[in-house]
């Protein structure tokens, strides 16, 4: 594969949100050219694992359309004091 010298062709960032993505992420989850179309900063893990990082349309709701879909489970505030549940 030839090396592209075009600065606009930055494969080390997500095509959607321009967040840095690792070589491993791009190689394992990106498309056939190792380009990440979505990443964990802009998409949910189930969508990434179903192929959204490779540019595929997936059946899971898009966090762009439903922003609360990309938020992880939060610990209750009572457990933030070292794990003591009162």
PDB file of N, CA and C in Angstrom:
ATOM      1  N   UNK A   1       0.846  -1.171   0.000  1.00  0.00           N
ATOM      2  CA  UNK A   1       0.000   0.000   0.000  1.00  0.00           C
ATOM      3  C   UNK A   1       0.891   1.234   0.000  1.00  0.00           C
ATOM      4  N   UNK A   2       0.686   2.174  -0.910  1.00  0.00           N
ATOM      5  CA  UNK A   2       1.522   3.370  -0.978  1.00  0.00           C
ATOM      6  C   UNK A   2       1.253   4.310   0.206  1.00  0.00           C
ATOM      7  N   UNK A   3       2.259   5.024   0.599  1.00  0.00           N
ATOM      8  CA  UNK A   3       2.141   5.993   1.687  1.00  0.00           C
ATOM      9  C   UNK A   3       1.623   7.299   1.113  1.00  0.00           C
ATOM     10  N   UNK A   4       0.532   7.808   1.706  1.00  0.00           N
ATOM     11  CA  UNK A   4      -0.028   9.076   1.241  1.00  0.00           C
ATOM     12  C   UNK A   4       0.591  10.208   2.024  1.00  0.00           C
ATOM     13  N   UNK A   5       0.978  11.247   1.327  1.00  0.00           N
ATOM     14  CA  UNK A   5       1.577  12.414   1.968  1.00  0.00           C
ATOM     15  C   UNK A   5       0.593  13.566   2.092  1.00  0.00           C
ATOM     16  N   UNK A   6      -0.656  13.319   1.795  1.00  0.00           N
ATOM     17  CA  UNK A   6      -1.696  14.329   1.877  1.00  0.00           C
ATOM     18  C   UNK A   6      -2.024  14.597   3.342  1.00  0.00           C
ATOM     19  N   UNK A   7      -1.809  15.826   3.849  1.00  0.00           N
ATOM     20  CA  UNK A   7      -2.094  16.101   5.263  1.00  0.00           C
ATOM     21  C   UNK A   7      -3.572  15.978   5.606  1.00  0.00           C
ATOM     22  N   UNK A   8      -4.452  16.076   4.624  1.00  0.00           N
ATOM     23  CA  UNK A   8      -5.880  15.931   4.886  1.00  0.00           C
ATOM     24  C   UNK A   8      -6.248  14.472   5.156  1.00  0.00           C
ATOM     25  N   UNK A   9      -5.382  13.554   4.781  1.00  0.00           N
ATOM     26  CA  UNK A   9      -5.636  12.133   4.991  1.00  0.00           C
ATOM     27  C   UNK A   9      -5.048  11.707   6.332  1.00  0.00           C
ATOM     28  N   UNK A  10      -5.671  12.124   7.408  1.00  0.00           N
ATOM     29  CA  UNK A  10      -5.182  11.806   8.741  1.00  0.00           C
ATOM     30  C   UNK A  10      -5.927  10.596   9.267  1.00  0.00           C
ATOM     31  N   UNK A  11      -5.333   9.438   9.166  1.00  0.00           N
ATOM     32  CA  UNK A  11      -5.984   8.203   9.580  1.00  0.00           C
ATOM     33  C   UNK A  11      -5.917   7.984  11.088  1.00  0.00           C
ATOM     34  N   UNK A  12      -5.156   8.758  11.809  1.00  0.00           N
ATOM     35  CA  UNK A  12      -5.038   8.530  13.247  1.00  0.00           C
ATOM     36  C   UNK A  12      -6.159   9.205  14.028  1.00  0.00           C
ATOM     37  N   UNK A  13      -7.125   9.771  13.338  1.00  0.00           N
ATOM     38  CA  UNK A  13      -8.268  10.380  14.012  1.00  0.00           C
ATOM     39  C   UNK A  13      -9.562   9.776  13.480  1.00  0.00           C
ATOM     40  N   UNK A  14     -10.584   9.851  14.301  1.00  0.00           N
ATOM     41  CA  UNK A  14     -11.912   9.400  13.914  1.00  0.00           C
ATOM     42  C   UNK A  14     -12.442  10.316  12.821  1.00  0.00           C
ATOM     43  N   UNK A  15     -12.988   9.739  11.776  1.00  0.00           N
ATOM     44  CA  UNK A  15     -13.531  10.542  10.680  1.00  0.00           C
ATOM     45  C   UNK A  15     -14.735  11.362  11.127  1.00  0.00           C
ATOM     46  N   UNK A  16     -15.462  10.908  12.141  1.00  0.00           N
ATOM     47  CA  UNK A  16     -16.687  11.585  12.560  1.00  0.00           C
ATOM     48  C   UNK A  16     -16.409  12.755  13.508  1.00  0.00           C
ATOM     49  N   UNK A  17     -15.600  12.499  14.555  1.00  0.00           N
ATOM     50  CA  UNK A  17     -15.404  13.539  15.580  1.00  0.00           C
ATOM     51  C   UNK A  17     -13.965  14.047  15.674  1.00  0.00           C
ATOM     52  N   UNK A  18     -13.062  13.473  14.894  1.00  0.00           N
ATOM     53  CA  UNK A  18     -11.655  13.865  14.840  1.00  0.00           C
ATOM     54  C   UNK A  18     -10.878  13.608  16.135  1.00  0.00           C
ATOM     55  N   UNK A  19     -11.389  12.726  16.988  1.00  0.00           N
ATOM     56  CA  UNK A  19     -10.669  12.306  18.181  1.00  0.00           C
ATOM     57  C   UNK A  19      -9.585  11.316  17.779  1.00  0.00           C
ATOM     58  N   UNK A  20      -8.443  11.353  18.459  1.00  0.00           N
ATOM     59  CA  UNK A  20      -7.366  10.409  18.165  1.00  0.00           C
ATOM     60  C   UNK A  20      -7.833   8.983  18.433  1.00  0.00           C
ATOM     61  N   UNK A  21      -7.514   8.081  17.517  1.00  0.00           N
ATOM     62  CA  UNK A  21      -7.792   6.658  17.700  1.00  0.00           C
ATOM     63  C   UNK A  21      -6.496   5.891  17.480  1.00  0.00           C
ATOM     64  N   UNK A  22      -6.304   4.845  18.247  1.00  0.00           N
ATOM     65  CA  UNK A  22      -5.056   4.086  18.185  1.00  0.00           C
ATOM     66  C   UNK A  22      -4.981   3.254  16.903  1.00  0.00           C
ATOM     67  N   UNK A  23      -3.771   2.844  16.574  1.00  0.00           N
ATOM     68  CA  UNK A  23      -3.564   1.961  15.423  1.00  0.00           C
ATOM     69  C   UNK A  23      -4.328   0.657  15.610  1.00  0.00           C
ATOM     70  N   UNK A  24      -4.314   0.116  16.835  1.00  0.00           N
ATOM     71  CA  UNK A  24      -5.020  -1.135  17.112  1.00  0.00           C
ATOM     72  C   UNK A  24      -6.528  -0.989  16.905  1.00  0.00           C
ATOM     73  N   UNK A  25      -7.082   0.117  17.369  1.00  0.00           N
ATOM     74  CA  UNK A  25      -8.514   0.366  17.196  1.00  0.00           C
ATOM     75  C   UNK A  25      -8.850   0.414  15.705  1.00  0.00           C
ATOM     76  N   UNK A  26      -8.068   1.163  14.941  1.00  0.00           N
ATOM     77  CA  UNK A  26      -8.327   1.290  13.509  1.00  0.00           C
ATOM     78  C   UNK A  26      -8.158  -0.043  12.788  1.00  0.00           C
ATOM     79  N   UNK A  27      -7.148  -0.806  13.190  1.00  0.00           N
ATOM     80  CA  UNK A  27      -6.871  -2.082  12.531  1.00  0.00           C
ATOM     81  C   UNK A  27      -7.970  -3.107  12.819  1.00  0.00           C
ATOM     82  N   UNK A  28      -8.447  -3.153  14.062  1.00  0.00           N
ATOM     83  CA  UNK A  28      -9.410  -4.191  14.429  1.00  0.00           C
ATOM     84  C   UNK A  28     -10.863  -3.781  14.191  1.00  0.00           C
ATOM     85  N   UNK A  29     -11.187  -2.509  14.319  1.00  0.00           N
ATOM     86  CA  UNK A  29     -12.582  -2.085  14.211  1.00  0.00           C
ATOM     87  C   UNK A  29     -12.867  -1.179  13.023  1.00  0.00           C
ATOM     88  N   UNK A  30     -11.828  -0.625  12.409  1.00  0.00           N
ATOM     89  CA  UNK A  30     -12.014   0.270  11.271  1.00  0.00           C
ATOM     90  C   UNK A  30     -12.344  -0.480   9.994  1.00  0.00           C
ATOM     91  N   UNK A  31     -12.383   0.260   8.885  1.00  0.00           N
ATOM     92  CA  UNK A  31     -12.709  -0.361   7.600  1.00  0.00           C
ATOM     93  C   UNK A  31     -11.495  -1.074   7.012  1.00  0.00           C
ATOM     94  N   UNK A  32     -11.625  -1.541   5.784  1.00  0.00           N
ATOM     95  CA  UNK A  32     -10.549  -2.316   5.152  1.00  0.00           C
ATOM     96  C   UNK A  32      -9.281  -1.497   4.919  1.00  0.00           C
ATOM     97  N   UNK A  33      -9.383  -0.168   5.002  1.00  0.00           N
ATOM     98  CA  UNK A  33      -8.214   0.706   4.864  1.00  0.00           C
ATOM     99  C   UNK A  33      -7.709   1.206   6.213  1.00  0.00           C
ATOM    100  N   UNK A  34      -8.165   0.577   7.299  1.00  0.00           N
ATOM    101  CA  UNK A  34      -7.790   0.948   8.668  1.00  0.00           C
ATOM    102  C   UNK A  34      -8.183   2.382   9.010  1.00  0.00           C
ATOM    103  N   UNK A  35      -9.351   2.786   8.554  1.00  0.00           N
ATOM    104  CA  UNK A  35      -9.893   4.108   8.856  1.00  0.00           C
ATOM    105  C   UNK A  35     -11.062   3.918   9.819  1.00  0.00           C
ATOM    106  N   UNK A  36     -11.075   4.677  10.912  1.00  0.00           N
ATOM    107  CA  UNK A  36     -12.171   4.635  11.880  1.00  0.00           C
ATOM    108  C   UNK A  36     -13.202   5.698  11.505  1.00  0.00           C
ATOM    109  N   UNK A  37     -14.406   5.260  11.212  1.00  0.00           N
ATOM    110  CA  UNK A  37     -15.480   6.188  10.851  1.00  0.00           C
ATOM    111  C   UNK A  37     -16.201   6.699  12.085  1.00  0.00           C
ATOM    112  N   UNK A  38     -16.200   5.934  13.170  1.00  0.00           N
ATOM    113  CA  UNK A  38     -16.738   6.338  14.465  1.00  0.00           C
ATOM    114  C   UNK A  38     -15.811   5.757  15.531  1.00  0.00           C
ATOM    115  N   UNK A  39     -15.842   6.331  16.743  1.00  0.00           N
ATOM    116  CA  UNK A  39     -14.990   5.848  17.834  1.00  0.00           C
ATOM    117  C   UNK A  39     -15.787   5.873  19.132  1.00  0.00           C
ATOM    118  N   UNK A  40     -15.177   5.458  20.217  1.00  0.00           N
ATOM    119  CA  UNK A  40     -15.872   5.407  21.505  1.00  0.00           C
ATOM    120  C   UNK A  40     -16.161   6.793  22.072  1.00  0.00           C
ATOM    121  N   UNK A  41     -15.545   7.821  21.525  1.00  0.00           N
ATOM    122  CA  UNK A  41     -15.842   9.178  21.981  1.00  0.00           C
ATOM    123  C   UNK A  41     -17.143   9.703  21.378  1.00  0.00           C
ATOM    124  N   UNK A  42     -17.546   9.165  20.237  1.00  0.00           N
ATOM    125  CA  UNK A  42     -18.734   9.684  19.566  1.00  0.00           C
ATOM    126  C   UNK A  42     -19.808   8.627  19.318  1.00  0.00           C
ATOM    127  N   UNK A  43     -19.548   7.396  19.693  1.00  0.00           N
ATOM    128  CA  UNK A  43     -20.501   6.330  19.438  1.00  0.00           C
ATOM    129  C   UNK A  43     -20.513   5.360  20.615  1.00  0.00           C
ATOM    130  N   UNK A  44     -21.534   4.531  20.685  1.00  0.00           N
ATOM    131  CA  UNK A  44     -21.654   3.571  21.786  1.00  0.00           C
ATOM    132  C   UNK A  44     -20.902   2.285  21.461  1.00  0.00           C
ATOM    133  N   UNK A  45     -20.517   1.576  22.497  1.00  0.00           N
ATOM    134  CA  UNK A  45     -19.766   0.313  22.316  1.00  0.00           C
ATOM    135  C   UNK A  45     -20.551  -0.709  21.489  1.00  0.00           C
ATOM    136  N   UNK A  46     -21.862  -0.919  21.735  1.00  0.00           N
ATOM    137  CA  UNK A  46     -22.575  -1.895  20.903  1.00  0.00           C
ATOM    138  C   UNK A  46     -22.565  -1.533  19.414  1.00  0.00           C
ATOM    139  N   UNK A  47     -22.664  -0.250  19.105  1.00  0.00           N
ATOM    140  CA  UNK A  47     -22.631   0.168  17.699  1.00  0.00           C
ATOM    141  C   UNK A  47     -21.244  -0.037  17.105  1.00  0.00           C
ATOM    142  N   UNK A  48     -20.209   0.285  17.879  1.00  0.00           N
ATOM    143  CA  UNK A  48     -18.833   0.092  17.415  1.00  0.00           C
ATOM    144  C   UNK A  48     -18.601  -1.390  17.114  1.00  0.00           C
ATOM    145  N   UNK A  49     -19.019  -2.255  18.033  1.00  0.00           N
ATOM    146  CA  UNK A  49     -18.810  -3.688  17.861  1.00  0.00           C
ATOM    147  C   UNK A  49     -19.645  -4.257  16.719  1.00  0.00           C
ATOM    148  N   UNK A  50     -20.749  -3.599  16.374  1.00  0.00           N
ATOM    149  CA  UNK A  50     -21.587  -4.056  15.263  1.00  0.00           C
ATOM    150  C   UNK A  50     -21.078  -3.558  13.915  1.00  0.00           C
ATOM    151  N   UNK A  51     -20.106  -2.638  13.928  1.00  0.00           N
ATOM    152  CA  UNK A  51     -19.505  -2.225  12.668  1.00  0.00           C
ATOM    153  C   UNK A  51     -19.554  -0.752  12.334  1.00  0.00           C
ATOM    154  N   UNK A  52     -20.052   0.099  13.220  1.00  0.00           N
ATOM    155  CA  UNK A  52     -20.120   1.524  12.889  1.00  0.00           C
ATOM    156  C   UNK A  52     -18.748   2.143  12.704  1.00  0.00           C
ATOM    157  N   UNK A  53     -17.737   1.624  13.395  1.00  0.00           N
ATOM    158  CA  UNK A  53     -16.377   2.152  13.232  1.00  0.00           C
ATOM    159  C   UNK A  53     -15.833   1.841  11.840  1.00  0.00           C
ATOM    160  N   UNK A  54     -16.377   0.818  11.203  1.00  0.00           N
ATOM    161  CA  UNK A  54     -15.965   0.456   9.846  1.00  0.00           C
ATOM    162  C   UNK A  54     -16.830   1.148   8.798  1.00  0.00           C
ATOM    163  N   UNK A  55     -17.725   2.021   9.237  1.00  0.00           N
ATOM    164  CA  UNK A  55     -18.561   2.760   8.308  1.00  0.00           C
ATOM    165  C   UNK A  55     -19.842   2.053   7.925  1.00  0.00           C
ATOM    166  N   UNK A  56     -20.182   0.967   8.627  1.00  0.00           N
ATOM    167  CA  UNK A  56     -21.398   0.217   8.317  1.00  0.00           C
ATOM    168  C   UNK A  56     -22.595   0.825   9.034  1.00  0.00           C
ATOM    169  N   UNK A  57     -23.753   0.725   8.404  1.00  0.00           N
ATOM    170  CA  UNK A  57     -24.994   1.102   9.064  1.00  0.00           C
ATOM    171  C   UNK A  57     -25.364  -0.018  10.024  1.00  0.00           C
ATOM    172  N   UNK A  58     -25.697   0.344  11.247  1.00  0.00           N
ATOM    173  CA  UNK A  58     -26.054  -0.654  12.251  1.00  0.00           C
ATOM    174  C   UNK A  58     -27.446  -0.354  12.790  1.00  0.00           C
ATOM    175  N   UNK A  59     -28.062  -1.349  13.419  1.00  0.00           N
ATOM    176  CA  UNK A  59     -29.444  -1.226  13.883  1.00  0.00           C
ATOM    177  C   UNK A  59     -29.588  -0.504  15.217  1.00  0.00           C
ATOM    178  N   UNK A  60     -28.529  -0.377  15.981  1.00  0.00           N
ATOM    179  CA  UNK A  60     -28.608   0.273  17.288  1.00  0.00           C
ATOM    180  C   UNK A  60     -28.829   1.779  17.122  1.00  0.00           C
ATOM    181  N   UNK A  61     -29.543   2.410  18.078  1.00  0.00           N
ATOM    182  CA  UNK A  61     -29.766   3.864  18.002  1.00  0.00           C
ATOM    183  C   UNK A  61     -28.448   4.633  18.042  1.00  0.00           C
ATOM    184  N   UNK A  62     -28.373   5.668  17.232  1.00  0.00           N
ATOM    185  CA  UNK A  62     -27.171   6.507  17.144  1.00  0.00           C
ATOM    186  C   UNK A  62     -27.160   7.513  18.290  1.00  0.00           C
ATOM    187  N   UNK A  63     -26.057   7.604  19.059  1.00  0.00           N
ATOM    188  CA  UNK A  63     -25.978   8.584  20.154  1.00  0.00           C
ATOM    189  C   UNK A  63     -26.128  10.024  19.670  1.00  0.00           C
ATOM    190  N   UNK A  64     -25.861  10.277  18.393  1.00  0.00           N
ATOM    191  CA  UNK A  64     -26.051  11.618  17.844  1.00  0.00           C
ATOM    192  C   UNK A  64     -27.534  11.991  17.876  1.00  0.00           C
ATOM    193  N   UNK A  65     -28.385  11.015  17.630  1.00  0.00           N
ATOM    194  CA  UNK A  65     -29.826  11.247  17.637  1.00  0.00           C
ATOM    195  C   UNK A  65     -30.419  11.085  19.033  1.00  0.00           C
ATOM    196  N   UNK A  66     -29.774  10.258  19.874  1.00  0.00           N
ATOM    197  CA  UNK A  66     -30.226  10.031  21.246  1.00  0.00           C
ATOM    198  C   UNK A  66     -29.006  10.157  22.158  1.00  0.00           C
ATOM    199  N   UNK A  67     -28.636  11.380  22.551  1.00  0.00           N
ATOM    200  CA  UNK A  67     -27.375  11.618  23.275  1.00  0.00           C
ATOM    201  C   UNK A  67     -27.192  10.817  24.560  1.00  0.00           C
ATOM    202  N   UNK A  68     -28.238  10.472  25.265  1.00  0.00           N
ATOM    203  CA  UNK A  68     -28.091   9.732  26.518  1.00  0.00           C
ATOM    204  C   UNK A  68     -27.697   8.283  26.297  1.00  0.00           C
ATOM    205  N   UNK A  69     -27.716   7.810  25.056  1.00  0.00           N
ATOM    206  CA  UNK A  69     -27.337   6.439  24.748  1.00  0.00           C
ATOM    207  C   UNK A  69     -25.847   6.182  24.953  1.00  0.00           C
ATOM    208  N   UNK A  70     -25.016   7.201  24.930  1.00  0.00           N
ATOM    209  CA  UNK A  70     -23.573   7.026  25.016  1.00  0.00           C
ATOM    210  C   UNK A  70     -23.038   7.277  26.414  1.00  0.00           C
ATOM    211  N   UNK A  71     -23.900   7.388  27.374  1.00  0.00           N
ATOM    212  CA  UNK A  71     -23.452   7.629  28.747  1.00  0.00           C
ATOM    213  C   UNK A  71     -23.406   6.321  29.501  1.00  0.00           C
ATOM    214  N   UNK A  72     -22.306   6.111  30.181  1.00  0.00           N
ATOM    215  CA  UNK A  72     -22.152   4.888  30.954  1.00  0.00           C
ATOM    216  C   UNK A  72     -22.907   4.940  32.266  1.00  0.00           C
ATOM    217  N   UNK A  73     -22.961   3.818  32.937  1.00  0.00           N
ATOM    218  CA  UNK A  73     -23.621   3.729  34.232  1.00  0.00           C
ATOM    219  C   UNK A  73     -22.794   4.476  35.256  1.00  0.00           C
ATOM    220  N   UNK A  74     -23.429   5.279  36.050  1.00  0.00           N
ATOM    221  CA  UNK A  74     -22.720   6.056  37.066  1.00  0.00           C
ATOM    222  C   UNK A  74     -22.911   5.433  38.437  1.00  0.00           C
ATOM    223  N   UNK A  75     -21.864   5.540  39.254  1.00  0.00           N
ATOM    224  CA  UNK A  75     -21.940   5.031  40.620  1.00  0.00           C
ATOM    225  C   UNK A  75     -22.812   5.962  41.457  1.00  0.00           C
ATOM    226  N   UNK A  76     -23.613   5.404  42.356  1.00  0.00           N
ATOM    227  CA  UNK A  76     -24.413   6.255  43.245  1.00  0.00           C
ATOM    228  C   UNK A  76     -23.503   7.142  44.080  1.00  0.00           C
ATOM    229  N   UNK A  77     -23.968   8.332  44.389  1.00  0.00           N
ATOM    230  CA  UNK A  77     -23.139   9.264  45.151  1.00  0.00           C
ATOM    231  C   UNK A  77     -22.778   8.725  46.524  1.00  0.00           C
ATOM    232  N   UNK A  78     -23.599   7.858  47.086  1.00  0.00           N
ATOM    233  CA  UNK A  78     -23.287   7.305  48.407  1.00  0.00           C
ATOM    234  C   UNK A  78     -22.057   6.407  48.364  1.00  0.00           C
ATOM    235  N   UNK A  79     -21.711   5.904  47.180  1.00  0.00           N
ATOM    236  CA  UNK A  79     -20.545   5.038  47.052  1.00  0.00           C
ATOM    237  C   UNK A  79     -19.283   5.809  46.671  1.00  0.00           C
ATOM    238  N   UNK A  80     -19.393   7.104  46.484  1.00  0.00           N
ATOM    239  CA  UNK A  80     -18.233   7.886  46.072  1.00  0.00           C
ATOM    240  C   UNK A  80     -17.307   8.228  47.244  1.00  0.00           C
ATOM    241  N   UNK A  81     -17.651   7.806  48.455  1.00  0.00           N
ATOM    242  CA  UNK A  81     -16.828   8.118  49.617  1.00  0.00           C
ATOM    243  C   UNK A  81     -15.949   6.928  50.011  1.00  0.00           C
ATOM    244  N   UNK A  82     -15.520   6.165  49.048  1.00  0.00           N
ATOM    245  CA  UNK A  82     -14.649   5.039  49.344  1.00  0.00           C
ATOM    246  C   UNK A  82     -15.353   3.716  49.336  1.00  0.00           C
ATOM    247  N   UNK A  83     -16.599   3.691  48.890  1.00  0.00           N
ATOM    248  CA  UNK A  83     -17.318   2.432  48.765  1.00  0.00           C
ATOM    249  C   UNK A  83     -18.174   2.083  49.951  1.00  0.00           C
ATOM    250  N   UNK A  84     -18.315   2.992  50.886  1.00  0.00           N
ATOM    251  CA  UNK A  84     -19.123   2.711  52.070  1.00  0.00           C
ATOM    252  C   UNK A  84     -20.573   3.084  51.749  1.00  0.00           C
ATOM    253  N   UNK A  85     -21.458   2.102  51.788  1.00  0.00           N
ATOM    254  CA  UNK A  85     -22.866   2.342  51.513  1.00  0.00           C
ATOM    255  C   UNK A  85     -23.572   2.605  52.833  1.00  0.00           C
ATOM    256  N   UNK A  86     -24.112   3.790  52.979  1.00  0.00           N
ATOM    257  CA  UNK A  86     -24.741   4.148  54.260  1.00  0.00           C
ATOM    258  C   UNK A  86     -26.218   4.191  54.138  1.00  0.00           C
TER     259      UNK A  86
END
